[in-house]
Amino acid sequence: MKVIKKNQIIIVLFAICLLVVGYVNYTNNGQKIGDSVVGDIKNYTEGMGDAQLVSSNNTYNEEEVLENETQETVAKTEVIEEVKEDYFTSCKIERNNIFSQTIEIYENMLESSSITNEQKAIAQNEIQKTTQIQNSILIAENLLKIKGFEDVVIFVNNDNVSVIVKSDNLTQEQVAQIQNIVSREFAVGSENINITNK
């Protein structure tokens, strides 16, 4: 498996940026970019400061204004909800990728002829441990959804379990439910469970 280094990625991105700038400059019909920007600024600022007659007969329909404000509020709320959902989805994908990579590393070790039987036993044990953590996470997240939590993502670091719940706020009863499920599935005490709402 070939590993791409950070420097190689930066050089490729820099080359792509240069190509895009060259293309934009070429397709600008021979007009310098600076000239078009100056022309746009002149057109925009032309007449600034001149006095203009403004009619005070304009009346606003309050219902239209309220409807527009309501639509804007709903749109902003939808964007916030989409960002929250994307957070949970991206966290789960990233976490699952890390698990897959870990298992792949240990499986490659098992296939290698250059490691001892003791090292193979350790690798096999780590694969089982990782698979068990994955299963516990899956069960705990599904149980929490059944309990009414819209979305949840769980991270495990040694004996510590972090739970992030999609909720504006959590009641004591909800925190107790989360602790109960996580404690049972991961066999850890409540002092090792960190619960956060997002």
N, C-alpha and C. Protein backbone atom coordinates (compact mmCIF):
# COMPACT_ATOMS: atom_id res chain seq x y z
N MET A 1 0.85 -1.19 0.00
CA MET A 1 0.00 0.00 0.00
C MET A 1 0.89 1.24 0.00
N LYS A 2 0.66 2.13 -0.94
CA LYS A 2 1.50 3.31 -1.08
C LYS A 2 0.97 4.40 -0.16
N VAL A 3 1.87 5.06 0.56
CA VAL A 3 1.49 6.12 1.49
C VAL A 3 1.82 7.46 0.84
N ILE A 4 0.83 8.35 0.79
CA ILE A 4 1.04 9.68 0.23
C ILE A 4 1.42 10.60 1.37
N LYS A 5 2.54 11.29 1.19
CA LYS A 5 3.02 12.17 2.24
C LYS A 5 2.32 13.51 2.16
N LYS A 6 2.31 14.20 3.27
CA LYS A 6 1.67 15.51 3.39
C LYS A 6 2.27 16.50 2.39
N ASN A 7 3.59 16.49 2.25
CA ASN A 7 4.25 17.42 1.33
C ASN A 7 3.82 17.19 -0.10
N GLN A 8 3.62 15.92 -0.48
CA GLN A 8 3.19 15.62 -1.84
C GLN A 8 1.79 16.16 -2.09
N ILE A 9 0.92 16.05 -1.12
CA ILE A 9 -0.44 16.56 -1.26
C ILE A 9 -0.42 18.08 -1.42
N ILE A 10 0.39 18.75 -0.63
CA ILE A 10 0.48 20.21 -0.69
C ILE A 10 0.99 20.65 -2.06
N ILE A 11 2.00 19.98 -2.59
CA ILE A 11 2.56 20.33 -3.90
C ILE A 11 1.52 20.14 -5.00
N VAL A 12 0.78 19.04 -4.94
CA VAL A 12 -0.26 18.78 -5.94
C VAL A 12 -1.36 19.84 -5.86
N LEU A 13 -1.79 20.20 -4.65
CA LEU A 13 -2.82 21.24 -4.50
C LEU A 13 -2.32 22.58 -5.01
N PHE A 14 -1.05 22.90 -4.75
CA PHE A 14 -0.47 24.15 -5.22
C PHE A 14 -0.45 24.18 -6.75
N ALA A 15 -0.09 23.06 -7.38
CA ALA A 15 -0.05 22.99 -8.84
C ALA A 15 -1.45 23.17 -9.42
N ILE A 16 -2.46 22.57 -8.79
CA ILE A 16 -3.84 22.71 -9.25
C ILE A 16 -4.28 24.17 -9.14
N CYS A 17 -3.92 24.83 -8.05
CA CYS A 17 -4.27 26.24 -7.88
C CYS A 17 -3.65 27.10 -8.98
N LEU A 18 -2.38 26.82 -9.32
CA LEU A 18 -1.71 27.56 -10.39
C LEU A 18 -2.41 27.35 -11.73
N LEU A 19 -2.82 26.11 -12.00
CA LEU A 19 -3.54 25.82 -13.24
C LEU A 19 -4.86 26.57 -13.30
N VAL A 20 -5.59 26.61 -12.20
CA VAL A 20 -6.88 27.31 -12.16
C VAL A 20 -6.69 28.80 -12.39
N VAL A 21 -5.69 29.39 -11.73
CA VAL A 21 -5.42 30.82 -11.90
C VAL A 21 -5.04 31.12 -13.34
N GLY A 22 -4.20 30.28 -13.93
CA GLY A 22 -3.81 30.47 -15.33
C GLY A 22 -5.00 30.36 -16.26
N TYR A 23 -5.87 29.40 -16.03
CA TYR A 23 -7.06 29.23 -16.86
C TYR A 23 -7.99 30.43 -16.75
N VAL A 24 -8.22 30.89 -15.55
CA VAL A 24 -9.10 32.06 -15.34
C VAL A 24 -8.51 33.28 -16.03
N ASN A 25 -7.22 33.46 -15.92
CA ASN A 25 -6.55 34.59 -16.55
C ASN A 25 -6.66 34.49 -18.07
N TYR A 26 -6.51 33.27 -18.61
CA TYR A 26 -6.57 33.04 -20.05
C TYR A 26 -7.97 33.28 -20.59
N THR A 27 -9.00 32.85 -19.87
CA THR A 27 -10.38 32.96 -20.34
C THR A 27 -11.01 34.31 -20.03
N ASN A 28 -10.25 35.26 -19.58
CA ASN A 28 -10.80 36.57 -19.21
C ASN A 28 -10.89 37.51 -20.43
N ASN A 29 -10.87 36.96 -21.66
CA ASN A 29 -11.00 37.70 -22.91
C ASN A 29 -9.96 38.79 -23.06
N GLY A 30 -8.79 38.57 -22.60
CA GLY A 30 -7.71 39.54 -22.79
C GLY A 30 -7.79 40.73 -21.88
N GLN A 31 -8.84 40.85 -21.08
CA GLN A 31 -8.98 41.99 -20.17
C GLN A 31 -8.28 41.66 -18.86
N LYS A 32 -7.49 42.57 -18.37
CA LYS A 32 -6.78 42.33 -17.12
C LYS A 32 -7.78 42.28 -15.98
N ILE A 33 -7.52 41.39 -15.05
CA ILE A 33 -8.43 41.24 -13.91
C ILE A 33 -8.49 42.53 -13.11
N GLY A 34 -7.36 43.15 -12.93
CA GLY A 34 -7.33 44.39 -12.16
C GLY A 34 -8.20 45.46 -12.79
N ASP A 35 -8.18 45.57 -14.15
CA ASP A 35 -8.99 46.57 -14.84
C ASP A 35 -10.48 46.31 -14.65
N SER A 36 -10.90 45.03 -14.71
CA SER A 36 -12.32 44.74 -14.56
C SER A 36 -12.78 45.04 -13.14
N VAL A 37 -11.94 44.79 -12.15
CA VAL A 37 -12.30 45.09 -10.76
C VAL A 37 -12.42 46.59 -10.57
N VAL A 38 -11.45 47.35 -11.12
CA VAL A 38 -11.50 48.81 -10.99
C VAL A 38 -12.75 49.35 -11.68
N GLY A 39 -13.07 48.80 -12.87
CA GLY A 39 -14.28 49.24 -13.57
C GLY A 39 -15.53 48.95 -12.77
N ASP A 40 -15.60 47.77 -12.15
CA ASP A 40 -16.75 47.41 -11.32
C ASP A 40 -16.89 48.36 -10.13
N ILE A 41 -15.75 48.71 -9.52
CA ILE A 41 -15.79 49.62 -8.37
C ILE A 41 -16.27 50.99 -8.81
N LYS A 42 -15.78 51.48 -9.98
CA LYS A 42 -16.22 52.78 -10.49
C LYS A 42 -17.72 52.78 -10.75
N ASN A 43 -18.23 51.71 -11.36
CA ASN A 43 -19.68 51.63 -11.63
C ASN A 43 -20.48 51.60 -10.35
N TYR A 44 -19.97 50.90 -9.36
CA TYR A 44 -20.69 50.76 -8.10
C TYR A 44 -20.71 52.08 -7.34
N THR A 45 -19.58 52.79 -7.34
CA THR A 45 -19.48 54.00 -6.52
C THR A 45 -19.97 55.24 -7.25
N GLU A 46 -20.26 55.12 -8.53
CA GLU A 46 -20.74 56.27 -9.29
C GLU A 46 -22.06 56.75 -8.70
N GLY A 47 -22.14 58.01 -8.38
CA GLY A 47 -23.36 58.59 -7.84
C GLY A 47 -23.49 58.45 -6.34
N MET A 48 -22.50 57.85 -5.68
CA MET A 48 -22.56 57.76 -4.23
C MET A 48 -22.45 59.15 -3.64
N GLY A 49 -23.22 59.44 -2.67
CA GLY A 49 -23.17 60.74 -2.01
C GLY A 49 -24.15 61.73 -2.62
N ASP A 50 -24.72 61.40 -3.78
CA ASP A 50 -25.70 62.30 -4.39
C ASP A 50 -27.00 62.20 -3.63
N ALA A 51 -27.67 63.29 -3.50
CA ALA A 51 -28.95 63.31 -2.80
C ALA A 51 -30.02 62.69 -3.69
N GLN A 52 -30.87 61.91 -3.10
CA GLN A 52 -31.95 61.29 -3.84
C GLN A 52 -33.25 61.51 -3.09
N LEU A 53 -34.33 61.69 -3.84
CA LEU A 53 -35.64 61.88 -3.26
C LEU A 53 -36.21 60.52 -2.90
N VAL A 54 -36.61 60.39 -1.67
CA VAL A 54 -37.16 59.14 -1.21
C VAL A 54 -38.61 59.37 -0.82
N SER A 55 -39.48 58.52 -1.32
CA SER A 55 -40.90 58.68 -1.03
C SER A 55 -41.21 58.04 0.31
N SER A 56 -42.00 58.75 1.11
CA SER A 56 -42.40 58.19 2.40
C SER A 56 -43.75 57.51 2.30
N ASN A 57 -44.26 57.35 1.07
CA ASN A 57 -45.56 56.71 0.88
C ASN A 57 -45.45 55.19 0.85
N ASN A 58 -44.21 54.64 0.91
CA ASN A 58 -44.05 53.20 0.90
C ASN A 58 -44.56 52.61 2.21
N THR A 59 -45.48 51.68 2.10
CA THR A 59 -45.99 51.02 3.29
C THR A 59 -45.62 49.55 3.21
N TYR A 60 -45.30 48.98 4.33
CA TYR A 60 -44.91 47.58 4.39
C TYR A 60 -46.08 46.77 4.94
N ASN A 61 -46.31 45.66 4.31
CA ASN A 61 -47.34 44.75 4.78
C ASN A 61 -46.72 43.94 5.92
N GLU A 62 -47.23 44.14 7.13
CA GLU A 62 -46.65 43.47 8.31
C GLU A 62 -46.67 41.96 8.17
N GLU A 63 -47.73 41.43 7.56
CA GLU A 63 -47.82 39.97 7.40
C GLU A 63 -46.70 39.46 6.50
N GLU A 64 -46.39 40.20 5.41
CA GLU A 64 -45.31 39.79 4.52
C GLU A 64 -43.97 39.82 5.23
N VAL A 65 -43.74 40.88 6.02
CA VAL A 65 -42.48 41.00 6.74
C VAL A 65 -42.34 39.86 7.74
N LEU A 66 -43.40 39.57 8.49
CA LEU A 66 -43.36 38.48 9.47
C LEU A 66 -43.16 37.13 8.78
N GLU A 67 -43.83 36.94 7.63
CA GLU A 67 -43.69 35.68 6.91
C GLU A 67 -42.25 35.50 6.42
N ASN A 68 -41.65 36.59 5.91
CA ASN A 68 -40.26 36.52 5.45
C ASN A 68 -39.31 36.20 6.61
N GLU A 69 -39.54 36.86 7.77
CA GLU A 69 -38.70 36.60 8.94
C GLU A 69 -38.85 35.16 9.41
N THR A 70 -40.09 34.65 9.38
CA THR A 70 -40.34 33.27 9.79
C THR A 70 -39.64 32.29 8.86
N GLN A 71 -39.71 32.56 7.54
CA GLN A 71 -39.04 31.68 6.58
C GLN A 71 -37.53 31.69 6.78
N GLU A 72 -36.96 32.88 7.07
CA GLU A 72 -35.53 32.97 7.31
C GLU A 72 -35.14 32.19 8.57
N THR A 73 -35.96 32.31 9.62
CA THR A 73 -35.70 31.59 10.86
C THR A 73 -35.76 30.08 10.64
N VAL A 74 -36.75 29.62 9.89
CA VAL A 74 -36.89 28.19 9.60
C VAL A 74 -35.68 27.71 8.80
N ALA A 75 -35.26 28.51 7.81
CA ALA A 75 -34.11 28.13 6.99
C ALA A 75 -32.84 28.04 7.84
N LYS A 76 -32.64 29.01 8.75
CA LYS A 76 -31.46 28.97 9.62
C LYS A 76 -31.49 27.75 10.53
N THR A 77 -32.68 27.43 11.06
CA THR A 77 -32.83 26.27 11.93
C THR A 77 -32.50 24.99 11.16
N GLU A 78 -32.96 24.90 9.91
CA GLU A 78 -32.69 23.71 9.10
C GLU A 78 -31.19 23.56 8.85
N VAL A 79 -30.51 24.68 8.61
CA VAL A 79 -29.06 24.63 8.38
C VAL A 79 -28.35 24.15 9.63
N ILE A 80 -28.76 24.66 10.81
CA ILE A 80 -28.16 24.24 12.07
C ILE A 80 -28.37 22.75 12.29
N GLU A 81 -29.59 22.26 12.03
CA GLU A 81 -29.90 20.84 12.20
C GLU A 81 -29.07 19.99 11.25
N GLU A 82 -28.89 20.49 10.00
CA GLU A 82 -28.10 19.75 9.02
C GLU A 82 -26.65 19.65 9.47
N VAL A 83 -26.12 20.75 10.02
CA VAL A 83 -24.74 20.75 10.51
C VAL A 83 -24.60 19.75 11.66
N LYS A 84 -25.59 19.74 12.59
CA LYS A 84 -25.55 18.79 13.71
C LYS A 84 -25.56 17.36 13.20
N GLU A 85 -26.45 17.08 12.22
CA GLU A 85 -26.55 15.73 11.70
C GLU A 85 -25.26 15.33 10.98
N ASP A 86 -24.70 16.27 10.22
CA ASP A 86 -23.44 16.00 9.54
C ASP A 86 -22.34 15.68 10.56
N TYR A 87 -22.35 16.37 11.70
CA TYR A 87 -21.35 16.12 12.73
C TYR A 87 -21.41 14.67 13.18
N PHE A 88 -22.60 14.19 13.50
CA PHE A 88 -22.76 12.83 14.00
C PHE A 88 -22.39 11.81 12.92
N THR A 89 -22.82 12.06 11.70
CA THR A 89 -22.51 11.15 10.60
C THR A 89 -21.01 11.10 10.35
N SER A 90 -20.37 12.27 10.28
CA SER A 90 -18.92 12.30 9.99
C SER A 90 -18.12 11.67 11.13
N CYS A 91 -18.54 11.88 12.38
CA CYS A 91 -17.84 11.26 13.51
C CYS A 91 -17.92 9.74 13.44
N LYS A 92 -19.10 9.23 13.11
CA LYS A 92 -19.26 7.77 13.03
C LYS A 92 -18.42 7.19 11.90
N ILE A 93 -18.40 7.88 10.76
CA ILE A 93 -17.61 7.40 9.63
C ILE A 93 -16.13 7.40 9.98
N GLU A 94 -15.66 8.49 10.58
CA GLU A 94 -14.25 8.59 10.97
C GLU A 94 -13.88 7.51 11.99
N ARG A 95 -14.74 7.33 12.98
CA ARG A 95 -14.48 6.31 14.01
C ARG A 95 -14.43 4.91 13.40
N ASN A 96 -15.37 4.61 12.50
CA ASN A 96 -15.41 3.29 11.88
C ASN A 96 -14.20 3.07 10.97
N ASN A 97 -13.73 4.14 10.32
CA ASN A 97 -12.51 4.03 9.49
C ASN A 97 -11.30 3.68 10.35
N ILE A 98 -11.22 4.30 11.52
CA ILE A 98 -10.10 4.01 12.42
C ILE A 98 -10.16 2.56 12.87
N PHE A 99 -11.35 2.07 13.20
CA PHE A 99 -11.49 0.66 13.59
C PHE A 99 -11.06 -0.26 12.45
N SER A 100 -11.49 0.05 11.23
CA SER A 100 -11.14 -0.77 10.07
C SER A 100 -9.64 -0.80 9.84
N GLN A 101 -9.01 0.37 9.95
CA GLN A 101 -7.55 0.44 9.76
C GLN A 101 -6.82 -0.36 10.84
N THR A 102 -7.30 -0.26 12.08
CA THR A 102 -6.67 -1.00 13.17
C THR A 102 -6.74 -2.50 12.92
N ILE A 103 -7.93 -2.97 12.56
CA ILE A 103 -8.10 -4.41 12.29
C ILE A 103 -7.23 -4.84 11.11
N GLU A 104 -7.17 -4.00 10.08
CA GLU A 104 -6.35 -4.33 8.91
C GLU A 104 -4.87 -4.47 9.28
N ILE A 105 -4.39 -3.59 10.13
CA ILE A 105 -2.99 -3.65 10.57
C ILE A 105 -2.71 -4.98 11.28
N TYR A 106 -3.60 -5.35 12.20
CA TYR A 106 -3.40 -6.60 12.95
C TYR A 106 -3.56 -7.83 12.04
N GLU A 107 -4.46 -7.76 11.06
CA GLU A 107 -4.61 -8.88 10.13
C GLU A 107 -3.36 -9.05 9.27
N ASN A 108 -2.76 -7.91 8.87
CA ASN A 108 -1.50 -7.98 8.11
C ASN A 108 -0.39 -8.60 8.95
N MET A 109 -0.41 -8.28 10.25
CA MET A 109 0.58 -8.88 11.15
C MET A 109 0.40 -10.40 11.21
N LEU A 110 -0.86 -10.84 11.27
CA LEU A 110 -1.13 -12.28 11.34
C LEU A 110 -0.65 -13.00 10.08
N GLU A 111 -0.75 -12.35 8.94
CA GLU A 111 -0.33 -12.96 7.68
C GLU A 111 1.18 -12.94 7.49
N SER A 112 1.87 -12.12 8.26
CA SER A 112 3.32 -12.00 8.13
C SER A 112 4.01 -13.23 8.70
N SER A 113 5.05 -13.64 8.02
CA SER A 113 5.81 -14.80 8.50
C SER A 113 6.98 -14.39 9.39
N SER A 114 7.17 -13.08 9.51
CA SER A 114 8.33 -12.60 10.28
C SER A 114 8.03 -12.32 11.75
N ILE A 115 6.81 -12.60 12.19
CA ILE A 115 6.50 -12.36 13.61
C ILE A 115 6.34 -13.69 14.33
N THR A 116 6.54 -13.64 15.63
CA THR A 116 6.50 -14.86 16.46
C THR A 116 5.05 -15.26 16.74
N ASN A 117 4.89 -16.46 17.25
CA ASN A 117 3.56 -16.94 17.64
C ASN A 117 2.97 -16.08 18.75
N GLU A 118 3.83 -15.60 19.64
CA GLU A 118 3.37 -14.74 20.73
C GLU A 118 2.82 -13.42 20.18
N GLN A 119 3.50 -12.86 19.20
CA GLN A 119 3.03 -11.61 18.58
C GLN A 119 1.74 -11.84 17.81
N LYS A 120 1.62 -13.01 17.18
CA LYS A 120 0.38 -13.35 16.47
C LYS A 120 -0.79 -13.47 17.45
N ALA A 121 -0.53 -14.03 18.62
CA ALA A 121 -1.57 -14.16 19.64
C ALA A 121 -2.02 -12.78 20.12
N ILE A 122 -1.06 -11.87 20.28
CA ILE A 122 -1.39 -10.50 20.69
C ILE A 122 -2.23 -9.82 19.62
N ALA A 123 -1.84 -9.99 18.34
CA ALA A 123 -2.58 -9.39 17.23
C ALA A 123 -4.01 -9.93 17.18
N GLN A 124 -4.15 -11.26 17.35
CA GLN A 124 -5.49 -11.89 17.35
C GLN A 124 -6.33 -11.35 18.50
N ASN A 125 -5.72 -11.19 19.67
CA ASN A 125 -6.41 -10.64 20.83
C ASN A 125 -6.88 -9.21 20.57
N GLU A 126 -6.03 -8.41 19.93
CA GLU A 126 -6.40 -7.01 19.62
C GLU A 126 -7.55 -6.95 18.62
N ILE A 127 -7.55 -7.84 17.64
CA ILE A 127 -8.66 -7.88 16.68
C ILE A 127 -9.97 -8.20 17.39
N GLN A 128 -9.94 -9.20 18.28
CA GLN A 128 -11.15 -9.56 19.04
C GLN A 128 -11.60 -8.40 19.92
N LYS A 129 -10.64 -7.74 20.57
CA LYS A 129 -10.96 -6.61 21.45
C LYS A 129 -11.60 -5.46 20.66
N THR A 130 -11.03 -5.14 19.50
CA THR A 130 -11.57 -4.06 18.65
C THR A 130 -12.96 -4.41 18.16
N THR A 131 -13.15 -5.65 17.74
CA THR A 131 -14.48 -6.10 17.27
C THR A 131 -15.50 -6.03 18.40
N GLN A 132 -15.09 -6.40 19.60
CA GLN A 132 -15.99 -6.35 20.76
C GLN A 132 -16.38 -4.90 21.07
N ILE A 133 -15.42 -3.98 21.00
CA ILE A 133 -15.73 -2.55 21.24
C ILE A 133 -16.71 -2.05 20.18
N GLN A 134 -16.48 -2.44 18.92
CA GLN A 134 -17.40 -2.03 17.84
C GLN A 134 -18.81 -2.53 18.11
N ASN A 135 -18.93 -3.78 18.52
CA ASN A 135 -20.25 -4.35 18.80
C ASN A 135 -20.92 -3.63 19.98
N SER A 136 -20.14 -3.35 21.02
CA SER A 136 -20.70 -2.65 22.19
C SER A 136 -21.18 -1.25 21.81
N ILE A 137 -20.41 -0.56 20.99
CA ILE A 137 -20.80 0.78 20.53
C ILE A 137 -22.10 0.71 19.75
N LEU A 138 -22.18 -0.24 18.82
CA LEU A 138 -23.38 -0.39 18.00
C LEU A 138 -24.61 -0.67 18.85
N ILE A 139 -24.47 -1.58 19.80
CA ILE A 139 -25.60 -1.92 20.68
C ILE A 139 -26.01 -0.72 21.53
N ALA A 140 -25.03 -0.05 22.15
CA ALA A 140 -25.33 1.10 23.02
C ALA A 140 -25.99 2.23 22.24
N GLU A 141 -25.47 2.55 21.04
CA GLU A 141 -26.06 3.63 20.24
C GLU A 141 -27.49 3.29 19.85
N ASN A 142 -27.74 2.05 19.47
CA ASN A 142 -29.11 1.65 19.09
C ASN A 142 -30.05 1.66 20.29
N LEU A 143 -29.58 1.22 21.44
CA LEU A 143 -30.42 1.25 22.65
C LEU A 143 -30.77 2.69 23.03
N LEU A 144 -29.81 3.59 22.88
CA LEU A 144 -30.08 5.00 23.21
C LEU A 144 -31.08 5.61 22.23
N LYS A 145 -31.01 5.21 20.96
CA LYS A 145 -32.00 5.70 20.00
C LYS A 145 -33.39 5.18 20.34
N ILE A 146 -33.45 3.92 20.78
CA ILE A 146 -34.74 3.35 21.19
C ILE A 146 -35.32 4.12 22.37
N LYS A 147 -34.45 4.61 23.25
CA LYS A 147 -34.90 5.37 24.41
C LYS A 147 -35.36 6.79 24.04
N GLY A 148 -35.24 7.16 22.75
CA GLY A 148 -35.78 8.45 22.31
C GLY A 148 -34.73 9.49 21.96
N PHE A 149 -33.46 9.15 22.04
CA PHE A 149 -32.44 10.11 21.65
C PHE A 149 -32.32 10.09 20.13
N GLU A 150 -32.37 11.28 19.54
CA GLU A 150 -32.42 11.39 18.08
C GLU A 150 -31.17 10.83 17.42
N ASP A 151 -30.01 11.22 17.92
CA ASP A 151 -28.75 10.70 17.39
C ASP A 151 -27.71 10.71 18.49
N VAL A 152 -26.76 9.81 18.37
CA VAL A 152 -25.74 9.66 19.41
C VAL A 152 -24.49 9.07 18.78
N VAL A 153 -23.33 9.49 19.27
CA VAL A 153 -22.08 8.89 18.84
C VAL A 153 -21.24 8.61 20.09
N ILE A 154 -20.62 7.42 20.10
CA ILE A 154 -19.86 6.98 21.27
C ILE A 154 -18.41 6.73 20.87
N PHE A 155 -17.50 7.22 21.72
CA PHE A 155 -16.07 6.99 21.54
C PHE A 155 -15.53 6.28 22.77
N VAL A 156 -14.63 5.32 22.55
CA VAL A 156 -14.03 4.57 23.65
C VAL A 156 -12.53 4.80 23.63
N ASN A 157 -11.98 5.17 24.79
CA ASN A 157 -10.55 5.35 24.95
C ASN A 157 -10.13 4.62 26.22
N ASN A 158 -9.56 3.43 26.03
CA ASN A 158 -9.20 2.56 27.16
C ASN A 158 -10.44 2.28 28.00
N ASP A 159 -10.46 2.72 29.27
CA ASP A 159 -11.62 2.47 30.14
C ASP A 159 -12.59 3.65 30.16
N ASN A 160 -12.33 4.68 29.39
CA ASN A 160 -13.21 5.86 29.37
C ASN A 160 -14.11 5.84 28.15
N VAL A 161 -15.38 6.19 28.37
CA VAL A 161 -16.36 6.20 27.30
C VAL A 161 -16.95 7.60 27.22
N SER A 162 -16.88 8.20 26.01
CA SER A 162 -17.48 9.51 25.78
C SER A 162 -18.72 9.34 24.93
N VAL A 163 -19.81 9.95 25.38
CA VAL A 163 -21.09 9.86 24.69
C VAL A 163 -21.52 11.27 24.31
N ILE A 164 -21.76 11.48 23.02
CA ILE A 164 -22.24 12.78 22.55
C ILE A 164 -23.65 12.56 22.00
N VAL A 165 -24.62 13.29 22.58
CA VAL A 165 -26.02 13.11 22.26
C VAL A 165 -26.55 14.34 21.54
N LYS A 166 -27.33 14.11 20.48
CA LYS A 166 -27.96 15.22 19.76
C LYS A 166 -29.18 15.67 20.56
N SER A 167 -29.00 16.78 21.29
CA SER A 167 -30.07 17.30 22.14
C SER A 167 -29.69 18.70 22.58
N ASP A 168 -30.69 19.56 22.72
CA ASP A 168 -30.42 20.92 23.19
C ASP A 168 -30.03 20.91 24.67
N ASN A 169 -30.68 20.05 25.44
CA ASN A 169 -30.31 19.89 26.85
C ASN A 169 -30.72 18.49 27.32
N LEU A 170 -30.10 18.06 28.39
CA LEU A 170 -30.37 16.73 28.92
C LEU A 170 -30.87 16.84 30.36
N THR A 171 -31.92 16.08 30.66
CA THR A 171 -32.43 16.05 32.02
C THR A 171 -31.62 15.04 32.83
N GLN A 172 -31.76 15.09 34.13
CA GLN A 172 -31.08 14.13 35.01
C GLN A 172 -31.52 12.70 34.69
N GLU A 173 -32.80 12.55 34.37
CA GLU A 173 -33.32 11.22 34.04
C GLU A 173 -32.66 10.69 32.77
N GLN A 174 -32.49 11.55 31.76
CA GLN A 174 -31.83 11.13 30.52
C GLN A 174 -30.37 10.77 30.75
N VAL A 175 -29.68 11.57 31.57
CA VAL A 175 -28.28 11.28 31.90
C VAL A 175 -28.19 9.92 32.59
N ALA A 176 -29.12 9.64 33.50
CA ALA A 176 -29.12 8.36 34.20
C ALA A 176 -29.35 7.20 33.23
N GLN A 177 -30.27 7.40 32.26
CA GLN A 177 -30.52 6.36 31.26
C GLN A 177 -29.25 6.07 30.44
N ILE A 178 -28.58 7.15 30.02
CA ILE A 178 -27.35 7.00 29.23
C ILE A 178 -26.29 6.26 30.05
N GLN A 179 -26.10 6.69 31.29
CA GLN A 179 -25.10 6.05 32.14
C GLN A 179 -25.41 4.57 32.35
N ASN A 180 -26.67 4.25 32.53
CA ASN A 180 -27.08 2.87 32.76
C ASN A 180 -26.75 1.99 31.56
N ILE A 181 -27.12 2.45 30.37
CA ILE A 181 -26.88 1.66 29.16
C ILE A 181 -25.38 1.52 28.89
N VAL A 182 -24.65 2.63 28.96
CA VAL A 182 -23.22 2.62 28.66
C VAL A 182 -22.46 1.79 29.69
N SER A 183 -22.82 1.95 30.95
CA SER A 183 -22.16 1.19 32.01
C SER A 183 -22.34 -0.31 31.81
N ARG A 184 -23.55 -0.71 31.44
CA ARG A 184 -23.86 -2.13 31.24
C ARG A 184 -23.13 -2.69 30.01
N GLU A 185 -23.12 -1.94 28.90
CA GLU A 185 -22.53 -2.45 27.66
C GLU A 185 -21.01 -2.46 27.68
N PHE A 186 -20.39 -1.50 28.39
CA PHE A 186 -18.93 -1.40 28.38
C PHE A 186 -18.29 -1.84 29.70
N ALA A 187 -19.10 -2.21 30.66
CA ALA A 187 -18.61 -2.67 31.98
C ALA A 187 -17.67 -1.63 32.59
N VAL A 188 -18.12 -0.38 32.62
CA VAL A 188 -17.35 0.70 33.24
C VAL A 188 -18.23 1.41 34.26
N GLY A 189 -17.61 2.06 35.23
CA GLY A 189 -18.35 2.82 36.23
C GLY A 189 -18.77 4.18 35.68
N SER A 190 -19.73 4.79 36.34
CA SER A 190 -20.25 6.08 35.88
C SER A 190 -19.18 7.17 35.90
N GLU A 191 -18.15 7.01 36.74
CA GLU A 191 -17.08 8.01 36.79
C GLU A 191 -16.22 7.98 35.51
N ASN A 192 -16.33 6.90 34.73
CA ASN A 192 -15.57 6.78 33.49
C ASN A 192 -16.41 7.11 32.25
N ILE A 193 -17.62 7.64 32.49
CA ILE A 193 -18.51 7.98 31.38
C ILE A 193 -18.64 9.48 31.31
N ASN A 194 -18.34 10.02 30.15
CA ASN A 194 -18.46 11.46 29.91
C ASN A 194 -19.60 11.69 28.92
N ILE A 195 -20.62 12.44 29.33
CA ILE A 195 -21.81 12.67 28.50
C ILE A 195 -21.87 14.14 28.11
N THR A 196 -22.03 14.38 26.80
CA THR A 196 -22.12 15.73 26.28
C THR A 196 -23.29 15.83 25.33
N ASN A 197 -23.99 16.94 25.35
CA ASN A 197 -25.05 17.15 24.37
C ASN A 197 -24.57 18.14 23.31
N LYS A 198 -25.07 17.98 22.10
CA LYS A 198 -24.70 18.87 20.99
C LYS A 198 -25.91 19.21 20.17
